[in-house]
Protein backbone atom coordinates (compact mmCIF):
# COMPACT_ATOMS: atom_id res chain seq x y z
CA UNK A 1 0.00 0.00 0.00
CA UNK A 2 2.79 2.45 0.90
CA UNK A 3 4.59 1.59 -2.34
CA UNK A 4 1.49 2.55 -4.37
CA UNK A 5 1.27 5.82 -2.46
CA UNK A 6 4.92 6.54 -3.31
CA UNK A 7 4.37 5.73 -6.98
CA UNK A 8 1.29 7.97 -7.08
CA UNK A 9 3.14 10.76 -5.28
CA UNK A 10 6.07 10.52 -7.74
CA UNK A 11 3.66 10.54 -10.68
CA UNK A 12 1.96 13.73 -9.53
CA UNK A 13 5.26 15.34 -8.55
CA UNK A 14 6.67 14.47 -11.96
CA UNK A 15 3.55 15.81 -13.68
CA UNK A 16 3.80 19.06 -11.71
CA UNK A 17 7.49 19.43 -12.63
CA UNK A 18 6.69 18.87 -16.31
CA UNK A 19 3.97 21.52 -16.10
CA UNK A 20 6.52 23.93 -14.58
CA UNK A 21 8.95 23.12 -17.39
CA UNK A 22 6.28 23.82 -20.04
CA UNK A 23 5.51 27.14 -18.37
CA UNK A 24 9.22 28.05 -18.23
CA UNK A 25 9.70 27.07 -21.88
CA UNK A 26 6.92 29.47 -22.83
CA UNK A 27 8.54 32.18 -20.70
CA UNK A 28 11.89 31.46 -22.39
CA UNK A 29 10.32 31.85 -25.85
CA UNK A 30 8.80 35.18 -24.81
CA UNK A 31 12.20 36.31 -23.49
CA UNK A 32 13.85 35.29 -26.75
CA UNK A 33 11.27 37.28 -28.69
CA UNK A 34 11.98 40.34 -26.52
CA UNK A 35 15.70 39.81 -27.08
CA UNK A 36 15.24 39.54 -30.84
CA UNK A 37 13.10 42.67 -30.89
CA UNK A 38 15.74 44.55 -28.86
CA UNK A 39 18.52 43.45 -31.23
CA UNK A 40 16.44 44.45 -34.25
CA UNK A 41 15.65 47.88 -32.77
CA UNK A 42 19.35 48.45 -32.02
CA UNK A 43 20.25 47.36 -35.54
CA UNK A 44 17.74 49.76 -37.11
CA UNK A 45 18.79 52.67 -34.88
CA UNK A 46 22.52 52.25 -35.42
CA UNK A 47 24.70 49.51 -36.75
CA UNK A 48 27.40 49.70 -34.08
CA UNK A 49 26.05 48.51 -30.72
CA UNK A 50 27.59 46.75 -27.76
CA UNK A 51 26.88 43.63 -25.73
CA UNK A 52 25.73 45.56 -22.66
CA UNK A 53 22.53 46.60 -24.38
CA UNK A 54 21.26 43.02 -24.65
CA UNK A 55 23.02 41.46 -21.65
CA UNK A 56 19.96 41.71 -19.37
CA UNK A 57 17.75 39.90 -21.89
CA UNK A 58 20.39 37.19 -22.40
CA UNK A 59 20.77 36.71 -18.63
CA UNK A 60 16.99 36.31 -18.34
CA UNK A 61 16.99 33.54 -20.97
CA UNK A 62 19.99 31.79 -19.37
CA UNK A 63 18.35 31.92 -15.95
CA UNK A 64 15.18 30.31 -17.30
CA UNK A 65 17.19 27.60 -19.07
CA UNK A 66 19.07 26.78 -15.84
CA UNK A 67 15.77 26.49 -13.98
CA UNK A 68 14.45 24.12 -16.67
CA UNK A 69 17.59 21.96 -16.37
CA UNK A 70 17.16 21.75 -12.59
CA UNK A 71 13.52 20.68 -12.97
CA UNK A 72 14.48 18.06 -15.58
CA UNK A 73 17.11 16.72 -13.17
CA UNK A 74 14.44 16.44 -10.46
CA UNK A 75 12.23 14.44 -12.85
CA UNK A 76 15.20 12.23 -13.69
CA UNK A 77 15.78 11.49 -10.01
CA UNK A 78 12.09 10.76 -9.43
CA UNK A 79 12.39 8.14 -12.16
CA UNK A 80 14.99 6.32 -10.07
CA UNK A 81 18.07 7.51 -11.95
CA UNK A 82 21.28 8.27 -10.10
CA UNK A 83 21.78 11.93 -9.29
CA UNK A 84 24.21 13.84 -11.45
CA UNK A 85 26.42 16.71 -10.43
CA UNK A 86 26.98 20.13 -11.92
CA UNK A 87 30.27 20.96 -13.62
CA UNK A 88 31.83 23.81 -11.61
CA UNK A 89 33.18 25.35 -14.81
CA UNK A 90 30.15 25.54 -17.13
CA UNK A 91 27.16 24.44 -15.02
CA UNK A 92 26.25 21.44 -17.21
CA UNK A 93 24.80 18.35 -15.50
CA UNK A 94 27.25 15.46 -15.82
CA UNK A 95 27.43 11.89 -14.57
CA UNK A 96 29.02 11.41 -11.13
CA UNK A 97 31.75 9.19 -12.59
CA UNK A 98 32.82 11.63 -15.35
CA UNK A 99 36.47 12.64 -15.26
CA UNK A 100 35.93 15.48 -17.73
CA UNK A 101 32.91 17.57 -18.58
CA UNK A 102 31.63 16.59 -22.05
CA UNK A 103 30.59 20.20 -22.69
CA UNK A 104 33.66 22.23 -21.67
CA UNK A 105 36.35 19.59 -21.01
CA UNK A 106 36.95 20.75 -17.42
CA UNK A 107 38.72 18.10 -15.29
CA UNK A 108 36.41 16.89 -12.52
CA UNK A 109 38.26 16.22 -9.27
CA UNK A 110 37.04 12.81 -8.19
CA UNK A 111 35.98 12.26 -4.61
CA UNK A 112 36.11 8.62 -3.61
CA UNK A 113 33.40 7.23 -1.37
CA UNK A 114 33.15 3.98 0.54
CA UNK A 115 30.86 1.44 -1.12
CA UNK A 116 29.66 0.31 2.31
CA UNK A 117 28.88 3.52 4.23
CA UNK A 118 29.11 6.22 1.52
CA UNK A 119 31.58 8.38 3.46
CA UNK A 120 34.45 10.16 1.66
CA UNK A 121 37.75 8.28 1.65
CA UNK A 122 41.30 9.06 0.58
CA UNK A 123 42.72 7.34 -2.52
CA UNK A 124 45.64 5.90 -0.51
CA UNK A 125 43.38 4.25 2.11
CA UNK A 126 43.17 0.44 2.13
CA UNK A 127 40.25 0.42 4.56
CA UNK A 128 37.46 2.90 5.17
CA UNK A 129 38.29 4.94 8.30
CA UNK A 130 34.55 5.23 9.07
CA UNK A 131 33.29 1.62 8.84
CA UNK A 132 36.37 -0.55 8.24
CA UNK A 133 35.26 -1.81 4.79
CA UNK A 134 38.18 -2.97 2.63
CA UNK A 135 38.68 -0.62 -0.30
CA UNK A 136 39.10 -2.45 -3.58
CA UNK A 137 41.41 -0.64 -5.94
CA UNK A 138 41.48 -1.11 -9.68
CA UNK A 139 44.94 -1.00 -11.18
CA UNK A 140 45.52 1.35 -14.12
CA UNK A 141 46.60 -1.62 -16.29
CA UNK A 142 43.27 -3.44 -15.74
CA UNK A 143 41.34 -0.26 -16.48
CA UNK A 144 43.34 0.28 -19.66
CA UNK A 145 42.75 -3.34 -20.76
CA UNK A 146 39.03 -3.01 -20.10
CA UNK A 147 38.84 0.20 -22.19
CA UNK A 148 40.72 -1.49 -25.06
CA UNK A 149 38.33 -4.47 -25.01
CA UNK A 150 35.20 -2.22 -25.07
């Protein structure tokens, strides 16, 4: 019974998030139209204009797009998918295990966590200092062989 309640709750939460996304997409389109109108007006008035004159409109569109991405990530998590993290360089959602951001190429410092308790561990540790779980390490040679076979 509780499982059905959870499924129903996730369904309605997901539906509400999708409705918010649709509303934000409409708002984004309206912002883009305002931006296009502003650029056109500046073009007609004078051919030489600077970025500052449209920066506010661009920031508005970017802010809406970030909000849409956050809502889509929430829907993804409701569907049972693993959470992703945000690249500190460009703000793109990337997989937890990514070494580099696929969008900007920024190196992602990897934080190791214990498979037993989930606490952060140091790469040189052989055992988790929090729960005592043995830390299995993959050698670079085995990783390289696996990549070559894939």
